[in-house]
């Protein structure tokens, strides 16, 4: 019932997102196309 630990911060940069997209073959624009993703409510890639 108690908190047992907190990890360090991990940066989620575009290079990491692109590498994950390549590994999983999930290249949906919201992840890998900053220009197209900028037009969504997210304002950029996620």
ModelCIF file with pLDDT and N, C-alpha, C, O atoms, coordinates in Angstrom:
data_MODEL
#
_entry.id   MODEL 
#
_entity.id                         1 
_entity.type                       polymer 
_entity.pdbx_number_of_molecules   1 
#
_entity_poly.entity_id                      1 
_entity_poly.type                           'polypeptide(L)' 
_entity_poly.nstd_linkage                   no 
_entity_poly.nstd_monomer                   no 
_entity_poly.pdbx_seq_one_letter_code       
;(UNK)(UNK)(UNK)(UNK)(UNK)(UNK)(UNK)(UNK)(UNK)(UNK)(UNK)(UNK)(UNK)(UNK)(UNK)(UNK)
(UNK)(UNK)(UNK)(UNK)(UNK)(UNK)(UNK)(UNK)(UNK)(UNK)(UNK)(UNK)(UNK)(UNK)(UNK)(UNK)
(UNK)(UNK)(UNK)(UNK)(UNK)(UNK)(UNK)(UNK)(UNK)(UNK)(UNK)(UNK)(UNK)(UNK)
;
_entity_poly.pdbx_seq_one_letter_code_can   XXXXXXXXXXXXXXXXXXXXXXXXXXXXXXXXXXXXXXXXXXXXXX 
_entity_poly.pdbx_strand_id                 A 
#
loop_
_entity_poly_seq.entity_id 
_entity_poly_seq.num 
_entity_poly_seq.mon_id 
_entity_poly_seq.hetero 
1 1  UNK n 
1 2  UNK n 
1 3  UNK n 
1 4  UNK n 
1 5  UNK n 
1 6  UNK n 
1 7  UNK n 
1 8  UNK n 
1 9  UNK n 
1 10 UNK n 
1 11 UNK n 
1 12 UNK n 
1 13 UNK n 
1 14 UNK n 
1 15 UNK n 
1 16 UNK n 
1 17 UNK n 
1 18 UNK n 
1 19 UNK n 
1 20 UNK n 
1 21 UNK n 
1 22 UNK n 
1 23 UNK n 
1 24 UNK n 
1 25 UNK n 
1 26 UNK n 
1 27 UNK n 
1 28 UNK n 
1 29 UNK n 
1 30 UNK n 
1 31 UNK n 
1 32 UNK n 
1 33 UNK n 
1 34 UNK n 
1 35 UNK n 
1 36 UNK n 
1 37 UNK n 
1 38 UNK n 
1 39 UNK n 
1 40 UNK n 
1 41 UNK n 
1 42 UNK n 
1 43 UNK n 
1 44 UNK n 
1 45 UNK n 
1 46 UNK n 
#
_struct_asym.id          A 
_struct_asym.entity_id   1 
#
loop_
_ma_qa_metric.id 
_ma_qa_metric.mode 
_ma_qa_metric.name 
_ma_qa_metric.software_group_id 
_ma_qa_metric.type 
1 global pLDDT . pLDDT 
2 local  pLDDT . pLDDT 
#
_ma_qa_metric_global.metric_id      1 
_ma_qa_metric_global.metric_value   97.46 
_ma_qa_metric_global.model_id       1 
_ma_qa_metric_global.ordinal_id     1 
#
loop_
_ma_qa_metric_local.label_asym_id 
_ma_qa_metric_local.label_comp_id 
_ma_qa_metric_local.label_seq_id 
_ma_qa_metric_local.metric_id 
_ma_qa_metric_local.metric_value 
_ma_qa_metric_local.model_id 
_ma_qa_metric_local.ordinal_id 
A UNK 1  2 97.00 1 1  
A UNK 2  2 97.00 1 2  
A UNK 3  2 97.00 1 3  
A UNK 4  2 96.00 1 4  
A UNK 5  2 96.00 1 5  
A UNK 6  2 97.00 1 6  
A UNK 7  2 97.00 1 7  
A UNK 8  2 97.00 1 8  
A UNK 9  2 98.00 1 9  
A UNK 10 2 98.00 1 10 
A UNK 11 2 98.00 1 11 
A UNK 12 2 98.00 1 12 
A UNK 13 2 98.00 1 13 
A UNK 14 2 98.00 1 14 
A UNK 15 2 98.00 1 15 
A UNK 16 2 98.00 1 16 
A UNK 17 2 98.00 1 17 
A UNK 18 2 98.00 1 18 
A UNK 19 2 98.00 1 19 
A UNK 20 2 98.00 1 20 
A UNK 21 2 98.00 1 21 
A UNK 22 2 98.00 1 22 
A UNK 23 2 97.00 1 23 
A UNK 24 2 98.00 1 24 
A UNK 25 2 98.00 1 25 
A UNK 26 2 97.00 1 26 
A UNK 27 2 98.00 1 27 
A UNK 28 2 97.00 1 28 
A UNK 29 2 98.00 1 29 
A UNK 30 2 98.00 1 30 
A UNK 31 2 98.00 1 31 
A UNK 32 2 98.00 1 32 
A UNK 33 2 98.00 1 33 
A UNK 34 2 97.00 1 34 
A UNK 35 2 97.00 1 35 
A UNK 36 2 98.00 1 36 
A UNK 37 2 98.00 1 37 
A UNK 38 2 97.00 1 38 
A UNK 39 2 97.00 1 39 
A UNK 40 2 97.00 1 40 
A UNK 41 2 96.00 1 41 
A UNK 42 2 95.00 1 42 
A UNK 43 2 96.00 1 43 
A UNK 44 2 98.00 1 44 
A UNK 45 2 98.00 1 45 
A UNK 46 2 98.00 1 46 
#
loop_
_atom_site.group_PDB 
_atom_site.id 
_atom_site.type_symbol 
_atom_site.label_atom_id 
_atom_site.label_alt_id 
_atom_site.label_comp_id 
_atom_site.label_asym_id 
_atom_site.label_entity_id 
_atom_site.label_seq_id 
_atom_site.pdbx_PDB_ins_code 
_atom_site.Cartn_x 
_atom_site.Cartn_y 
_atom_site.Cartn_z 
_atom_site.occupancy 
_atom_site.B_iso_or_equiv 
_atom_site.pdbx_formal_charge 
_atom_site.auth_seq_id 
_atom_site.auth_comp_id 
_atom_site.auth_asym_id 
_atom_site.auth_atom_id 
_atom_site.pdbx_PDB_model_num 
ATOM 1   N N  . UNK A 1 1  ? 0.790  -1.217 0.000   1.00 97.00 ? 1  UNK A N  1 
ATOM 2   C CA . UNK A 1 1  ? 0.000  0.000  0.000   1.00 97.00 ? 1  UNK A CA 1 
ATOM 3   C C  . UNK A 1 1  ? 0.827  1.274  0.000   1.00 97.00 ? 1  UNK A C  1 
ATOM 4   O O  . UNK A 1 1  ? 0.272  2.373  0.027   1.00 97.00 ? 1  UNK A O  1 
ATOM 5   N N  . UNK A 1 2  ? 2.152  1.140  -0.030  1.00 97.00 ? 2  UNK A N  1 
ATOM 6   C CA . UNK A 1 2  ? 3.030  2.308  0.032   1.00 97.00 ? 2  UNK A CA 1 
ATOM 7   C C  . UNK A 1 2  ? 3.758  2.534  -1.291  1.00 97.00 ? 2  UNK A C  1 
ATOM 8   O O  . UNK A 1 2  ? 3.942  1.615  -2.089  1.00 97.00 ? 2  UNK A O  1 
ATOM 9   N N  . UNK A 1 3  ? 4.162  3.777  -1.497  1.00 97.00 ? 3  UNK A N  1 
ATOM 10  C CA . UNK A 1 3  ? 5.039  4.065  -2.623  1.00 97.00 ? 3  UNK A CA 1 
ATOM 11  C C  . UNK A 1 3  ? 6.399  3.450  -2.316  1.00 97.00 ? 3  UNK A C  1 
ATOM 12  O O  . UNK A 1 3  ? 6.953  3.656  -1.236  1.00 97.00 ? 3  UNK A O  1 
ATOM 13  N N  . UNK A 1 4  ? 6.935  2.691  -3.278  1.00 96.00 ? 4  UNK A N  1 
ATOM 14  C CA . UNK A 1 4  ? 8.200  2.000  -3.059  1.00 96.00 ? 4  UNK A CA 1 
ATOM 15  C C  . UNK A 1 4  ? 9.345  2.558  -3.893  1.00 96.00 ? 4  UNK A C  1 
ATOM 16  O O  . UNK A 1 4  ? 10.499 2.183  -3.688  1.00 96.00 ? 4  UNK A O  1 
ATOM 17  N N  . UNK A 1 5  ? 9.036  3.457  -4.838  1.00 96.00 ? 5  UNK A N  1 
ATOM 18  C CA . UNK A 1 5  ? 10.123 4.041  -5.606  1.00 96.00 ? 5  UNK A CA 1 
ATOM 19  C C  . UNK A 1 5  ? 9.639  4.929  -6.738  1.00 96.00 ? 5  UNK A C  1 
ATOM 20  O O  . UNK A 1 5  ? 8.507  4.817  -7.209  1.00 96.00 ? 5  UNK A O  1 
ATOM 21  N N  . UNK A 1 6  ? 10.538 5.818  -7.161  1.00 97.00 ? 6  UNK A N  1 
ATOM 22  C CA . UNK A 1 6  ? 10.289 6.731  -8.274  1.00 97.00 ? 6  UNK A CA 1 
ATOM 23  C C  . UNK A 1 6  ? 11.523 6.692  -9.172  1.00 97.00 ? 6  UNK A C  1 
ATOM 24  O O  . UNK A 1 6  ? 12.648 6.820  -8.689  1.00 97.00 ? 6  UNK A O  1 
ATOM 25  N N  . UNK A 1 7  ? 11.319 6.519  -10.456 1.00 97.00 ? 7  UNK A N  1 
ATOM 26  C CA . UNK A 1 7  ? 12.443 6.437  -11.387 1.00 97.00 ? 7  UNK A CA 1 
ATOM 27  C C  . UNK A 1 7  ? 12.970 7.819  -11.749 1.00 97.00 ? 7  UNK A C  1 
ATOM 28  O O  . UNK A 1 7  ? 12.375 8.839  -11.401 1.00 97.00 ? 7  UNK A O  1 
ATOM 29  N N  . UNK A 1 8  ? 14.083 7.833  -12.446 1.00 97.00 ? 8  UNK A N  1 
ATOM 30  C CA . UNK A 1 8  ? 14.605 9.061  -13.037 1.00 97.00 ? 8  UNK A CA 1 
ATOM 31  C C  . UNK A 1 8  ? 13.724 9.456  -14.222 1.00 97.00 ? 8  UNK A C  1 
ATOM 32  O O  . UNK A 1 8  ? 12.939 8.653  -14.726 1.00 97.00 ? 8  UNK A O  1 
ATOM 33  N N  . UNK A 1 9  ? 13.871 10.703 -14.651 1.00 98.00 ? 9  UNK A N  1 
ATOM 34  C CA . UNK A 1 9  ? 13.163 11.173 -15.844 1.00 98.00 ? 9  UNK A CA 1 
ATOM 35  C C  . UNK A 1 9  ? 13.810 10.585 -17.090 1.00 98.00 ? 9  UNK A C  1 
ATOM 36  O O  . UNK A 1 9  ? 15.028 10.423 -17.157 1.00 98.00 ? 9  UNK A O  1 
ATOM 37  N N  . UNK A 1 10 ? 12.966 10.266 -18.083 1.00 98.00 ? 10 UNK A N  1 
ATOM 38  C CA . UNK A 1 10 ? 13.412 9.757  -19.377 1.00 98.00 ? 10 UNK A CA 1 
ATOM 39  C C  . UNK A 1 10 ? 12.872 10.682 -20.458 1.00 98.00 ? 10 UNK A C  1 
ATOM 40  O O  . UNK A 1 10 ? 11.672 10.955 -20.507 1.00 98.00 ? 10 UNK A O  1 
ATOM 41  N N  . UNK A 1 11 ? 13.754 11.162 -21.321 1.00 98.00 ? 11 UNK A N  1 
ATOM 42  C CA . UNK A 1 11 ? 13.324 12.068 -22.394 1.00 98.00 ? 11 UNK A CA 1 
ATOM 43  C C  . UNK A 1 11 ? 12.715 11.276 -23.547 1.00 98.00 ? 11 UNK A C  1 
ATOM 44  O O  . UNK A 1 11 ? 13.241 10.248 -23.973 1.00 98.00 ? 11 UNK A O  1 
ATOM 45  N N  . UNK A 1 12 ? 11.589 11.790 -24.034 1.00 98.00 ? 12 UNK A N  1 
ATOM 46  C CA . UNK A 1 12 ? 10.911 11.198 -25.184 1.00 98.00 ? 12 UNK A CA 1 
ATOM 47  C C  . UNK A 1 12 ? 11.096 12.159 -26.356 1.00 98.00 ? 12 UNK A C  1 
ATOM 48  O O  . UNK A 1 12 ? 10.225 12.980 -26.644 1.00 98.00 ? 12 UNK A O  1 
ATOM 49  N N  . UNK A 1 13 ? 12.235 12.045 -27.023 1.00 98.00 ? 13 UNK A N  1 
ATOM 50  C CA . UNK A 1 13 ? 12.495 12.939 -28.154 1.00 98.00 ? 13 UNK A CA 1 
ATOM 51  C C  . UNK A 1 13 ? 12.005 12.294 -29.460 1.00 98.00 ? 13 UNK A C  1 
ATOM 52  O O  . UNK A 1 13 ? 11.617 11.126 -29.484 1.00 98.00 ? 13 UNK A O  1 
ATOM 53  N N  . UNK A 1 14 ? 12.033 13.067 -30.520 1.00 98.00 ? 14 UNK A N  1 
ATOM 54  C CA . UNK A 1 14 ? 11.516 12.585 -31.803 1.00 98.00 ? 14 UNK A CA 1 
ATOM 55  C C  . UNK A 1 14 ? 12.320 11.398 -32.320 1.00 98.00 ? 14 UNK A C  1 
ATOM 56  O O  . UNK A 1 14 ? 11.754 10.497 -32.940 1.00 98.00 ? 14 UNK A O  1 
ATOM 57  N N  . UNK A 1 15 ? 13.615 11.380 -32.079 1.00 98.00 ? 15 UNK A N  1 
ATOM 58  C CA . UNK A 1 15 ? 14.441 10.254 -32.524 1.00 98.00 ? 15 UNK A CA 1 
ATOM 59  C C  . UNK A 1 15 ? 13.986 8.947  -31.865 1.00 98.00 ? 15 UNK A C  1 
ATOM 60  O O  . UNK A 1 15 ? 13.940 7.909  -32.525 1.00 98.00 ? 15 UNK A O  1 
ATOM 61  N N  . UNK A 1 16 ? 13.650 8.989  -30.573 1.00 98.00 ? 16 UNK A N  1 
ATOM 62  C CA . UNK A 1 16 ? 13.173 7.789  -29.871 1.00 98.00 ? 16 UNK A CA 1 
ATOM 63  C C  . UNK A 1 16 ? 11.817 7.348  -30.442 1.00 98.00 ? 16 UNK A C  1 
ATOM 64  O O  . UNK A 1 16 ? 11.573 6.158  -30.641 1.00 98.00 ? 16 UNK A O  1 
ATOM 65  N N  . UNK A 1 17 ? 10.949 8.321  -30.697 1.00 98.00 ? 17 UNK A N  1 
ATOM 66  C CA . UNK A 1 17 ? 9.633  8.013  -31.272 1.00 98.00 ? 17 UNK A CA 1 
ATOM 67  C C  . UNK A 1 17 ? 9.796  7.381  -32.649 1.00 98.00 ? 17 UNK A C  1 
ATOM 68  O O  . UNK A 1 17 ? 9.132  6.392  -32.959 1.00 98.00 ? 17 UNK A O  1 
ATOM 69  N N  . UNK A 1 18 ? 10.670 7.942  -33.472 1.00 98.00 ? 18 UNK A N  1 
ATOM 70  C CA . UNK A 1 18 ? 10.896 7.393  -34.823 1.00 98.00 ? 18 UNK A CA 1 
ATOM 71  C C  . UNK A 1 18 ? 11.468 5.987  -34.755 1.00 98.00 ? 18 UNK A C  1 
ATOM 72  O O  . UNK A 1 18 ? 11.062 5.120  -35.530 1.00 98.00 ? 18 UNK A O  1 
ATOM 73  N N  . UNK A 1 19 ? 12.403 5.744  -33.842 1.00 98.00 ? 19 UNK A N  1 
ATOM 74  C CA . UNK A 1 19 ? 12.993 4.408  -33.704 1.00 98.00 ? 19 UNK A CA 1 
ATOM 75  C C  . UNK A 1 19 ? 11.925 3.400  -33.279 1.00 98.00 ? 19 UNK A C  1 
ATOM 76  O O  . UNK A 1 19 ? 11.902 2.271  -33.770 1.00 98.00 ? 19 UNK A O  1 
ATOM 77  N N  . UNK A 1 20 ? 11.046 3.807  -32.373 1.00 98.00 ? 20 UNK A N  1 
ATOM 78  C CA . UNK A 1 20 ? 9.961  2.911  -31.951 1.00 98.00 ? 20 UNK A CA 1 
ATOM 79  C C  . UNK A 1 20 ? 9.021  2.631  -33.128 1.00 98.00 ? 20 UNK A C  1 
ATOM 80  O O  . UNK A 1 20 ? 8.581  1.498  -33.321 1.00 98.00 ? 20 UNK A O  1 
ATOM 81  N N  . UNK A 1 21 ? 8.721  3.658  -33.904 1.00 98.00 ? 21 UNK A N  1 
ATOM 82  C CA . UNK A 1 21 ? 7.869  3.475  -35.084 1.00 98.00 ? 21 UNK A CA 1 
ATOM 83  C C  . UNK A 1 21 ? 8.495  2.470  -36.036 1.00 98.00 ? 21 UNK A C  1 
ATOM 84  O O  . UNK A 1 21 ? 7.795  1.627  -36.596 1.00 98.00 ? 21 UNK A O  1 
ATOM 85  N N  . UNK A 1 22 ? 9.813  2.551  -36.227 1.00 98.00 ? 22 UNK A N  1 
ATOM 86  C CA . UNK A 1 22 ? 10.497 1.597  -37.110 1.00 98.00 ? 22 UNK A CA 1 
ATOM 87  C C  . UNK A 1 22 ? 10.431 0.181  -36.556 1.00 98.00 ? 22 UNK A C  1 
ATOM 88  O O  . UNK A 1 22 ? 10.216 -0.767 -37.311 1.00 98.00 ? 22 UNK A O  1 
ATOM 89  N N  . UNK A 1 23 ? 10.612 0.026  -35.252 1.00 97.00 ? 23 UNK A N  1 
ATOM 90  C CA . UNK A 1 23 ? 10.569 -1.312 -34.633 1.00 97.00 ? 23 UNK A CA 1 
ATOM 91  C C  . UNK A 1 23 ? 9.188  -1.944 -34.726 1.00 97.00 ? 23 UNK A C  1 
ATOM 92  O O  . UNK A 1 23 ? 9.064  -3.148 -34.950 1.00 97.00 ? 23 UNK A O  1 
ATOM 93  N N  . UNK A 1 24 ? 8.160  -1.139 -34.555 1.00 98.00 ? 24 UNK A N  1 
ATOM 94  C CA . UNK A 1 24 ? 6.794  -1.668 -34.498 1.00 98.00 ? 24 UNK A CA 1 
ATOM 95  C C  . UNK A 1 24 ? 6.046  -1.548 -35.818 1.00 98.00 ? 24 UNK A C  1 
ATOM 96  O O  . UNK A 1 24 ? 4.941  -2.069 -35.965 1.00 98.00 ? 24 UNK A O  1 
ATOM 97  N N  . UNK A 1 25 ? 6.657  -0.857 -36.775 1.00 98.00 ? 25 UNK A N  1 
ATOM 98  C CA . UNK A 1 25 ? 6.032  -0.592 -38.071 1.00 98.00 ? 25 UNK A CA 1 
ATOM 99  C C  . UNK A 1 25 ? 4.741  0.206  -37.933 1.00 98.00 ? 25 UNK A C  1 
ATOM 100 O O  . UNK A 1 25 ? 3.820  0.069  -38.738 1.00 98.00 ? 25 UNK A O  1 
ATOM 101 N N  . UNK A 1 26 ? 4.692  1.034  -36.905 1.00 97.00 ? 26 UNK A N  1 
ATOM 102 C CA . UNK A 1 26 ? 3.556  1.928  -36.680 1.00 97.00 ? 26 UNK A CA 1 
ATOM 103 C C  . UNK A 1 26 ? 4.019  3.344  -36.991 1.00 97.00 ? 26 UNK A C  1 
ATOM 104 O O  . UNK A 1 26 ? 4.547  4.045  -36.127 1.00 97.00 ? 26 UNK A O  1 
ATOM 105 N N  . UNK A 1 27 ? 3.815  3.753  -38.237 1.00 98.00 ? 27 UNK A N  1 
ATOM 106 C CA . UNK A 1 27 ? 4.275  5.057  -38.708 1.00 98.00 ? 27 UNK A CA 1 
ATOM 107 C C  . UNK A 1 27 ? 3.125  6.042  -38.878 1.00 98.00 ? 27 UNK A C  1 
ATOM 108 O O  . UNK A 1 27 ? 3.162  6.886  -39.774 1.00 98.00 ? 27 UNK A O  1 
ATOM 109 N N  . UNK A 1 28 ? 2.109  5.944  -38.031 1.00 97.00 ? 28 UNK A N  1 
ATOM 110 C CA . UNK A 1 28 ? 0.999  6.883  -38.106 1.00 97.00 ? 28 UNK A CA 1 
ATOM 111 C C  . UNK A 1 28 ? 1.555  8.309  -38.014 1.00 97.00 ? 28 UNK A C  1 
ATOM 112 O O  . UNK A 1 28 ? 2.462  8.581  -37.227 1.00 97.00 ? 28 UNK A O  1 
ATOM 113 N N  . UNK A 1 29 ? 1.009  9.200  -38.817 1.00 98.00 ? 29 UNK A N  1 
ATOM 114 C CA . UNK A 1 29 ? 1.550  10.554 -38.933 1.00 98.00 ? 29 UNK A CA 1 
ATOM 115 C C  . UNK A 1 29 ? 1.633  11.286 -37.599 1.00 98.00 ? 29 UNK A C  1 
ATOM 116 O O  . UNK A 1 29 ? 2.538  12.098 -37.404 1.00 98.00 ? 29 UNK A O  1 
ATOM 117 N N  . UNK A 1 30 ? 0.720  11.021 -36.685 1.00 98.00 ? 30 UNK A N  1 
ATOM 118 C CA . UNK A 1 30 ? 0.703  11.732 -35.410 1.00 98.00 ? 30 UNK A CA 1 
ATOM 119 C C  . UNK A 1 30 ? 1.982  11.496 -34.607 1.00 98.00 ? 30 UNK A C  1 
ATOM 120 O O  . UNK A 1 30 ? 2.315  12.261 -33.701 1.00 98.00 ? 30 UNK A O  1 
ATOM 121 N N  . UNK A 1 31 ? 2.696  10.414 -34.961 1.00 98.00 ? 31 UNK A N  1 
ATOM 122 C CA . UNK A 1 31 ? 3.944  10.078 -34.275 1.00 98.00 ? 31 UNK A CA 1 
ATOM 123 C C  . UNK A 1 31 ? 5.188  10.553 -35.033 1.00 98.00 ? 31 UNK A C  1 
ATOM 124 O O  . UNK A 1 31 ? 6.174  10.957 -34.416 1.00 98.00 ? 31 UNK A O  1 
ATOM 125 N N  . UNK A 1 32 ? 5.143  10.504 -36.361 1.00 98.00 ? 32 UNK A N  1 
ATOM 126 C CA . UNK A 1 32 ? 6.398  10.659 -37.115 1.00 98.00 ? 32 UNK A CA 1 
ATOM 127 C C  . UNK A 1 32 ? 6.439  11.833 -38.091 1.00 98.00 ? 32 UNK A C  1 
ATOM 128 O O  . UNK A 1 32 ? 7.483  12.092 -38.690 1.00 98.00 ? 32 UNK A O  1 
ATOM 129 N N  . UNK A 1 33 ? 5.337  12.543 -38.261 1.00 98.00 ? 33 UNK A N  1 
ATOM 130 C CA . UNK A 1 33 ? 5.315  13.652 -39.220 1.00 98.00 ? 33 UNK A CA 1 
ATOM 131 C C  . UNK A 1 33 ? 5.005  14.953 -38.485 1.00 98.00 ? 33 UNK A C  1 
ATOM 132 O O  . UNK A 1 33 ? 3.839  15.308 -38.316 1.00 98.00 ? 33 UNK A O  1 
ATOM 133 N N  . UNK A 1 34 ? 6.053  15.669 -38.043 1.00 97.00 ? 34 UNK A N  1 
ATOM 134 C CA . UNK A 1 34 ? 5.824  16.881 -37.253 1.00 97.00 ? 34 UNK A CA 1 
ATOM 135 C C  . UNK A 1 34 ? 4.956  17.925 -37.958 1.00 97.00 ? 34 UNK A C  1 
ATOM 136 O O  . UNK A 1 34 ? 4.165  18.606 -37.306 1.00 97.00 ? 34 UNK A O  1 
ATOM 137 N N  . UNK A 1 35 ? 5.091  18.058 -39.268 1.00 97.00 ? 35 UNK A N  1 
ATOM 138 C CA . UNK A 1 35 ? 4.310  19.061 -40.001 1.00 97.00 ? 35 UNK A CA 1 
ATOM 139 C C  . UNK A 1 35 ? 2.824  18.717 -39.981 1.00 97.00 ? 35 UNK A C  1 
ATOM 140 O O  . UNK A 1 35 ? 1.994  19.574 -39.677 1.00 97.00 ? 35 UNK A O  1 
ATOM 141 N N  . UNK A 1 36 ? 2.486  17.476 -40.301 1.00 98.00 ? 36 UNK A N  1 
ATOM 142 C CA . UNK A 1 36 ? 1.082  17.062 -40.292 1.00 98.00 ? 36 UNK A CA 1 
ATOM 143 C C  . UNK A 1 36 ? 0.525  17.044 -38.862 1.00 98.00 ? 36 UNK A C  1 
ATOM 144 O O  . UNK A 1 36 ? -0.619 17.438 -38.631 1.00 98.00 ? 36 UNK A O  1 
ATOM 145 N N  . UNK A 1 37 ? 1.340  16.587 -37.909 1.00 98.00 ? 37 UNK A N  1 
ATOM 146 C CA . UNK A 1 37 ? 0.890  16.515 -36.516 1.00 98.00 ? 37 UNK A CA 1 
ATOM 147 C C  . UNK A 1 37 ? 0.636  17.901 -35.934 1.00 98.00 ? 37 UNK A C  1 
ATOM 148 O O  . UNK A 1 37 ? -0.172 18.048 -35.017 1.00 98.00 ? 37 UNK A O  1 
ATOM 149 N N  . UNK A 1 38 ? 1.313  18.910 -36.455 1.00 97.00 ? 38 UNK A N  1 
ATOM 150 C CA . UNK A 1 38 ? 1.129  20.282 -35.965 1.00 97.00 ? 38 UNK A CA 1 
ATOM 151 C C  . UNK A 1 38 ? -0.286 20.790 -36.223 1.00 97.00 ? 38 UNK A C  1 
ATOM 152 O O  . UNK A 1 38 ? -0.738 21.716 -35.549 1.00 97.00 ? 38 UNK A O  1 
ATOM 153 N N  . UNK A 1 39 ? -0.995 20.198 -37.192 1.00 97.00 ? 39 UNK A N  1 
ATOM 154 C CA . UNK A 1 39 ? -2.355 20.637 -37.521 1.00 97.00 ? 39 UNK A CA 1 
ATOM 155 C C  . UNK A 1 39 ? -3.421 19.956 -36.657 1.00 97.00 ? 39 UNK A C  1 
ATOM 156 O O  . UNK A 1 39 ? -4.607 20.263 -36.777 1.00 97.00 ? 39 UNK A O  1 
ATOM 157 N N  . UNK A 1 40 ? -3.000 19.037 -35.790 1.00 97.00 ? 40 UNK A N  1 
ATOM 158 C CA . UNK A 1 40 ? -3.943 18.323 -34.927 1.00 97.00 ? 40 UNK A CA 1 
ATOM 159 C C  . UNK A 1 40 ? -4.117 19.072 -33.609 1.00 97.00 ? 40 UNK A C  1 
ATOM 160 O O  . UNK A 1 40 ? -3.369 20.008 -33.326 1.00 97.00 ? 40 UNK A O  1 
ATOM 161 N N  . UNK A 1 41 ? -5.091 18.672 -32.809 1.00 96.00 ? 41 UNK A N  1 
ATOM 162 C CA . UNK A 1 41 ? -5.249 19.306 -31.493 1.00 96.00 ? 41 UNK A CA 1 
ATOM 163 C C  . UNK A 1 41 ? -4.019 19.154 -30.583 1.00 96.00 ? 41 UNK A C  1 
ATOM 164 O O  . UNK A 1 41 ? -3.875 19.909 -29.621 1.00 96.00 ? 41 UNK A O  1 
ATOM 165 N N  . UNK A 1 42 ? -3.134 18.190 -30.872 1.00 95.00 ? 42 UNK A N  1 
ATOM 166 C CA . UNK A 1 42 ? -1.932 18.011 -30.059 1.00 95.00 ? 42 UNK A CA 1 
ATOM 167 C C  . UNK A 1 42 ? -0.867 19.047 -30.392 1.00 95.00 ? 42 UNK A C  1 
ATOM 168 O O  . UNK A 1 42 ? 0.019  19.301 -29.575 1.00 95.00 ? 42 UNK A O  1 
ATOM 169 N N  . UNK A 1 43 ? -0.935 19.645 -31.567 1.00 96.00 ? 43 UNK A N  1 
ATOM 170 C CA . UNK A 1 43 ? 0.011  20.686 -31.953 1.00 96.00 ? 43 UNK A CA 1 
ATOM 171 C C  . UNK A 1 43 ? 1.397  20.193 -32.308 1.00 96.00 ? 43 UNK A C  1 
ATOM 172 O O  . UNK A 1 43 ? 2.312  20.996 -32.490 1.00 96.00 ? 43 UNK A O  1 
ATOM 173 N N  . UNK A 1 44 ? 1.566  18.889 -32.410 1.00 98.00 ? 44 UNK A N  1 
ATOM 174 C CA . UNK A 1 44 ? 2.863  18.299 -32.744 1.00 98.00 ? 44 UNK A CA 1 
ATOM 175 C C  . UNK A 1 44 ? 2.813  16.803 -32.545 1.00 98.00 ? 44 UNK A C  1 
ATOM 176 O O  . UNK A 1 44 ? 1.772  16.240 -32.206 1.00 98.00 ? 44 UNK A O  1 
ATOM 177 N N  . UNK A 1 45 ? 3.938  16.171 -32.756 1.00 98.00 ? 45 UNK A N  1 
ATOM 178 C CA . UNK A 1 45 ? 3.977  14.710 -32.645 1.00 98.00 ? 45 UNK A CA 1 
ATOM 179 C C  . UNK A 1 45 ? 3.871  14.268 -31.185 1.00 98.00 ? 45 UNK A C  1 
ATOM 180 O O  . UNK A 1 45 ? 4.251  14.984 -30.258 1.00 98.00 ? 45 UNK A O  1 
ATOM 181 N N  . UNK A 1 46 ? 3.340  13.059 -31.026 1.00 98.00 ? 46 UNK A N  1 
ATOM 182 C CA . UNK A 1 46 ? 3.217  12.444 -29.702 1.00 98.00 ? 46 UNK A CA 1 
ATOM 183 C C  . UNK A 1 46 ? 3.823  11.041 -29.755 1.00 98.00 ? 46 UNK A C  1 
ATOM 184 O O  . UNK A 1 46 ? 3.831  10.333 -28.748 1.00 98.00 ? 46 UNK A O  1 
#
